[in-house]
Amino acid sequence: MSEKCMFESCVKKHGDKIYLVFRIIVGFLFFQHGVQKLFGWFGGSVVEIGSLIGAAGVIEIVVGLAVLLGLFTRLAALLGGLEMIVAYVMMHSPNGWNPLLNYGEPAVLYFAAFCVLHVYGAGKYLCFEKYILKKENF
């Protein structure tokens, strides 16, 4: 059996489970960014909730939990992706275009992850939206 066939076989068999792990990791890490800003957890410092960074923290908590739970995942991914565009343009790009040099790499990576989540939605497993509403919306 060729390597390509082995890979395709693995993806067919375990792809939905691998996607679930991806979705949980992205949601949990994004949630952590939010609580780091708003509550000072994980070595962060508390910011004013009415500030731009405070608003970003609220968005990150809501989007992170929604993605983690599979609740309105496509909509949450759209909101998270838009936040990452704004973050990159406002905070990182004034320091140059290269994400490795302007510290915008996490924003670019999250944007890519949210693009995938927006296209594929919550997936097959652990999707509270499908459990509650009997379908995936958006």
C-alpha atoms as a PDB file:
ATOM      1  CA  MET A   1       0.000   0.000   0.000  1.00  0.00           C
ATOM      2  CA  SER A   2       1.418   3.393  -0.950  1.00  0.00           C
ATOM      3  CA  GLU A   3       1.884   6.230   1.526  1.00  0.00           C
ATOM      4  CA  LYS A   4      -0.833   8.221  -0.237  1.00  0.00           C
ATOM      5  CA  CYS A   5      -3.327   5.380   0.167  1.00  0.00           C
ATOM      6  CA  MET A   6      -2.412   4.996   3.838  1.00  0.00           C
ATOM      7  CA  PHE A   7      -2.928   8.718   4.440  1.00  0.00           C
ATOM      8  CA  GLU A   8      -6.254   8.760   2.584  1.00  0.00           C
ATOM      9  CA  SER A   9      -7.386   5.702   4.495  1.00  0.00           C
ATOM     10  CA  CYS A  10      -6.487   7.338   7.809  1.00  0.00           C
ATOM     11  CA  VAL A  11      -8.299  10.558   6.884  1.00  0.00           C
ATOM     12  CA  LYS A  12     -11.411   8.647   5.816  1.00  0.00           C
ATOM     13  CA  LYS A  13     -11.402   6.650   9.033  1.00  0.00           C
ATOM     14  CA  HIS A  14     -10.390   9.335  11.540  1.00  0.00           C
ATOM     15  CA  GLY A  15     -10.881  12.695   9.776  1.00  0.00           C
ATOM     16  CA  ASP A  16     -13.957  13.691  11.778  1.00  0.00           C
ATOM     17  CA  LYS A  17     -12.188  12.927  15.058  1.00  0.00           C
ATOM     18  CA  ILE A  18      -9.068  14.821  13.979  1.00  0.00           C
ATOM     19  CA  TYR A  19     -11.234  17.812  13.046  1.00  0.00           C
ATOM     20  CA  LEU A  20     -12.911  17.664  16.471  1.00  0.00           C
ATOM     21  CA  VAL A  21      -9.499  17.853  18.158  1.00  0.00           C
ATOM     22  CA  PHE A  22      -8.573  20.797  15.908  1.00  0.00           C
ATOM     23  CA  ARG A  23     -11.811  22.610  16.750  1.00  0.00           C
ATOM     24  CA  ILE A  24     -11.410  22.038  20.497  1.00  0.00           C
ATOM     25  CA  ILE A  25      -7.791  23.221  20.510  1.00  0.00           C
ATOM     26  CA  VAL A  26      -8.564  26.389  18.513  1.00  0.00           C
ATOM     27  CA  GLY A  27     -11.598  27.195  20.670  1.00  0.00           C
ATOM     28  CA  PHE A  28      -9.817  26.594  23.965  1.00  0.00           C
ATOM     29  CA  LEU A  29      -6.725  28.599  23.023  1.00  0.00           C
ATOM     30  CA  PHE A  30      -8.811  31.515  21.729  1.00  0.00           C
ATOM     31  CA  PHE A  31     -10.857  31.423  24.949  1.00  0.00           C
ATOM     32  CA  GLN A  32      -7.597  31.577  26.924  1.00  0.00           C
ATOM     33  CA  HIS A  33      -6.586  34.751  25.062  1.00  0.00           C
ATOM     34  CA  GLY A  34      -9.858  36.356  26.149  1.00  0.00           C
ATOM     35  CA  VAL A  35      -9.652  35.428  29.821  1.00  0.00           C
ATOM     36  CA  GLN A  36      -6.014  36.489  29.834  1.00  0.00           C
ATOM     37  CA  LYS A  37      -7.116  39.985  28.789  1.00  0.00           C
ATOM     38  CA  LEU A  38     -10.230  40.330  30.940  1.00  0.00           C
ATOM     39  CA  PHE A  39      -9.307  38.423  34.093  1.00  0.00           C
ATOM     40  CA  GLY A  40      -5.510  38.383  34.044  1.00  0.00           C
ATOM     41  CA  TRP A  41      -5.379  34.573  33.942  1.00  0.00           C
ATOM     42  CA  PHE A  42      -2.423  32.716  32.408  1.00  0.00           C
ATOM     43  CA  GLY A  43       0.020  35.521  33.114  1.00  0.00           C
ATOM     44  CA  GLY A  44      -2.054  38.303  31.597  1.00  0.00           C
ATOM     45  CA  SER A  45      -2.979  41.675  32.971  1.00  0.00           C
ATOM     46  CA  VAL A  46      -6.524  42.920  33.423  1.00  0.00           C
ATOM     47  CA  VAL A  47      -7.657  45.535  30.907  1.00  0.00           C
ATOM     48  CA  GLU A  48     -10.639  47.882  30.985  1.00  0.00           C
ATOM     49  CA  ILE A  49     -13.624  46.067  29.483  1.00  0.00           C
ATOM     50  CA  GLY A  50     -14.733  49.255  27.711  1.00  0.00           C
ATOM     51  CA  SER A  51     -11.424  49.558  25.859  1.00  0.00           C
ATOM     52  CA  LEU A  52     -10.658  48.161  22.426  1.00  0.00           C
ATOM     53  CA  ILE A  53      -8.563  45.389  23.954  1.00  0.00           C
ATOM     54  CA  GLY A  54     -11.345  44.687  26.458  1.00  0.00           C
ATOM     55  CA  ALA A  55     -13.836  44.341  23.597  1.00  0.00           C
ATOM     56  CA  ALA A  56     -11.391  41.955  21.898  1.00  0.00           C
ATOM     57  CA  GLY A  57     -11.259  39.934  25.120  1.00  0.00           C
ATOM     58  CA  VAL A  58     -15.050  39.623  25.224  1.00  0.00           C
ATOM     59  CA  ILE A  59     -15.117  38.515  21.580  1.00  0.00           C
ATOM     60  CA  GLU A  60     -12.345  35.984  22.231  1.00  0.00           C
ATOM     61  CA  ILE A  61     -14.185  34.451  25.194  1.00  0.00           C
ATOM     62  CA  VAL A  62     -17.497  34.193  23.321  1.00  0.00           C
ATOM     63  CA  VAL A  63     -15.951  32.931  20.063  1.00  0.00           C
ATOM     64  CA  GLY A  64     -13.635  30.533  21.893  1.00  0.00           C
ATOM     65  CA  LEU A  65     -16.483  28.954  23.857  1.00  0.00           C
ATOM     66  CA  ALA A  66     -18.753  28.776  20.808  1.00  0.00           C
ATOM     67  CA  VAL A  67     -16.077  27.037  18.734  1.00  0.00           C
ATOM     68  CA  LEU A  68     -15.134  24.746  21.607  1.00  0.00           C
ATOM     69  CA  LEU A  69     -18.752  23.679  22.138  1.00  0.00           C
ATOM     70  CA  GLY A  70     -19.739  23.554  18.468  1.00  0.00           C
ATOM     71  CA  LEU A  71     -22.409  26.192  18.995  1.00  0.00           C
ATOM     72  CA  PHE A  72     -22.939  28.509  15.995  1.00  0.00           C
ATOM     73  CA  THR A  73     -19.419  27.567  14.909  1.00  0.00           C
ATOM     74  CA  ARG A  74     -19.564  29.124  11.443  1.00  0.00           C
ATOM     75  CA  LEU A  75     -20.833  32.452  12.776  1.00  0.00           C
ATOM     76  CA  ALA A  76     -18.302  32.409  15.624  1.00  0.00           C
ATOM     77  CA  ALA A  77     -15.491  31.623  13.169  1.00  0.00           C
ATOM     78  CA  LEU A  78     -16.569  34.529  10.981  1.00  0.00           C
ATOM     79  CA  LEU A  79     -16.501  36.881  13.976  1.00  0.00           C
ATOM     80  CA  GLY A  80     -13.139  35.519  15.146  1.00  0.00           C
ATOM     81  CA  GLY A  81     -11.661  35.852  11.662  1.00  0.00           C
ATOM     82  CA  LEU A  82     -12.854  39.451  11.399  1.00  0.00           C
ATOM     83  CA  GLU A  83     -11.317  40.208  14.786  1.00  0.00           C
ATOM     84  CA  MET A  84      -7.994  38.763  13.615  1.00  0.00           C
ATOM     85  CA  ILE A  85      -8.054  40.947  10.487  1.00  0.00           C
ATOM     86  CA  VAL A  86      -8.691  44.030  12.631  1.00  0.00           C
ATOM     87  CA  ALA A  87      -5.995  42.982  15.124  1.00  0.00           C
ATOM     88  CA  TYR A  88      -3.450  42.450  12.367  1.00  0.00           C
ATOM     89  CA  VAL A  89      -4.216  45.704  10.574  1.00  0.00           C
ATOM     90  CA  MET A  90      -4.422  47.886  13.689  1.00  0.00           C
ATOM     91  CA  MET A  91      -1.797  46.342  15.961  1.00  0.00           C
ATOM     92  CA  HIS A  92       0.722  44.484  13.824  1.00  0.00           C
ATOM     93  CA  SER A  93       0.917  45.874  10.295  1.00  0.00           C
ATOM     94  CA  PRO A  94       2.095  49.347  11.415  1.00  0.00           C
ATOM     95  CA  ASN A  95       5.319  47.542  12.419  1.00  0.00           C
ATOM     96  CA  GLY A  96       5.835  46.109   8.920  1.00  0.00           C
ATOM     97  CA  TRP A  97       4.135  43.582   6.674  1.00  0.00           C
ATOM     98  CA  ASN A  98       5.955  40.416   7.804  1.00  0.00           C
ATOM     99  CA  PRO A  99       4.027  38.562  10.547  1.00  0.00           C
ATOM    100  CA  LEU A 100       7.213  36.991  11.872  1.00  0.00           C
ATOM    101  CA  LEU A 101       8.752  40.409  12.449  1.00  0.00           C
ATOM    102  CA  ASN A 102       5.681  42.380  13.575  1.00  0.00           C
ATOM    103  CA  TYR A 103       4.489  39.675  16.049  1.00  0.00           C
ATOM    104  CA  GLY A 104       1.303  39.148  14.034  1.00  0.00           C
ATOM    105  CA  GLU A 105       1.877  35.451  13.420  1.00  0.00           C
ATOM    106  CA  PRO A 106      -0.806  34.312  15.937  1.00  0.00           C
ATOM    107  CA  ALA A 107      -3.366  36.607  14.282  1.00  0.00           C
ATOM    108  CA  VAL A 108      -2.572  35.142  10.860  1.00  0.00           C
ATOM    109  CA  LEU A 109      -2.694  31.558  12.162  1.00  0.00           C
ATOM    110  CA  TYR A 110      -6.001  32.143  13.957  1.00  0.00           C
ATOM    111  CA  PHE A 111      -7.388  33.760  10.802  1.00  0.00           C
ATOM    112  CA  ALA A 112      -6.457  30.636   8.810  1.00  0.00           C
ATOM    113  CA  ALA A 113      -7.975  28.378  11.480  1.00  0.00           C
ATOM    114  CA  PHE A 114     -11.193  30.400  11.489  1.00  0.00           C
ATOM    115  CA  CYS A 115     -11.382  30.158   7.695  1.00  0.00           C
ATOM    116  CA  VAL A 116     -11.280  26.352   7.998  1.00  0.00           C
ATOM    117  CA  LEU A 117     -13.859  26.402  10.807  1.00  0.00           C
ATOM    118  CA  HIS A 118     -16.148  28.660   8.800  1.00  0.00           C
ATOM    119  CA  VAL A 119     -16.034  26.329   5.793  1.00  0.00           C
ATOM    120  CA  TYR A 120     -16.451  23.039   7.706  1.00  0.00           C
ATOM    121  CA  GLY A 121     -18.621  24.207  10.606  1.00  0.00           C
ATOM    122  CA  ALA A 122     -18.872  22.257  13.835  1.00  0.00           C
ATOM    123  CA  GLY A 123     -18.226  18.877  12.300  1.00  0.00           C
ATOM    124  CA  LYS A 124     -19.727  15.530  13.149  1.00  0.00           C
ATOM    125  CA  TYR A 125     -18.887  15.158  16.842  1.00  0.00           C
ATOM    126  CA  LEU A 126     -19.578  17.173  19.998  1.00  0.00           C
ATOM    127  CA  CYS A 127     -21.751  19.717  18.231  1.00  0.00           C
ATOM    128  CA  PHE A 128     -24.137  21.265  20.731  1.00  0.00           C
ATOM    129  CA  GLU A 129     -25.887  23.249  18.032  1.00  0.00           C
ATOM    130  CA  LYS A 130     -26.982  20.069  16.256  1.00  0.00           C
ATOM    131  CA  TYR A 131     -27.986  18.567  19.601  1.00  0.00           C
ATOM    132  CA  ILE A 132     -30.082  21.584  20.638  1.00  0.00           C
ATOM    133  CA  LEU A 133     -31.479  22.778  17.294  1.00  0.00           C
ATOM    134  CA  LYS A 134     -31.329  19.432  15.435  1.00  0.00           C
ATOM    135  CA  LYS A 135     -29.336  21.078  12.638  1.00  0.00           C
ATOM    136  CA  GLU A 136     -26.339  23.317  12.007  1.00  0.00           C
ATOM    137  CA  ASN A 137     -27.308  26.885  11.112  1.00  0.00           C
ATOM    138  CA  PHE A 138     -25.593  29.565   9.040  1.00  0.00           C
END
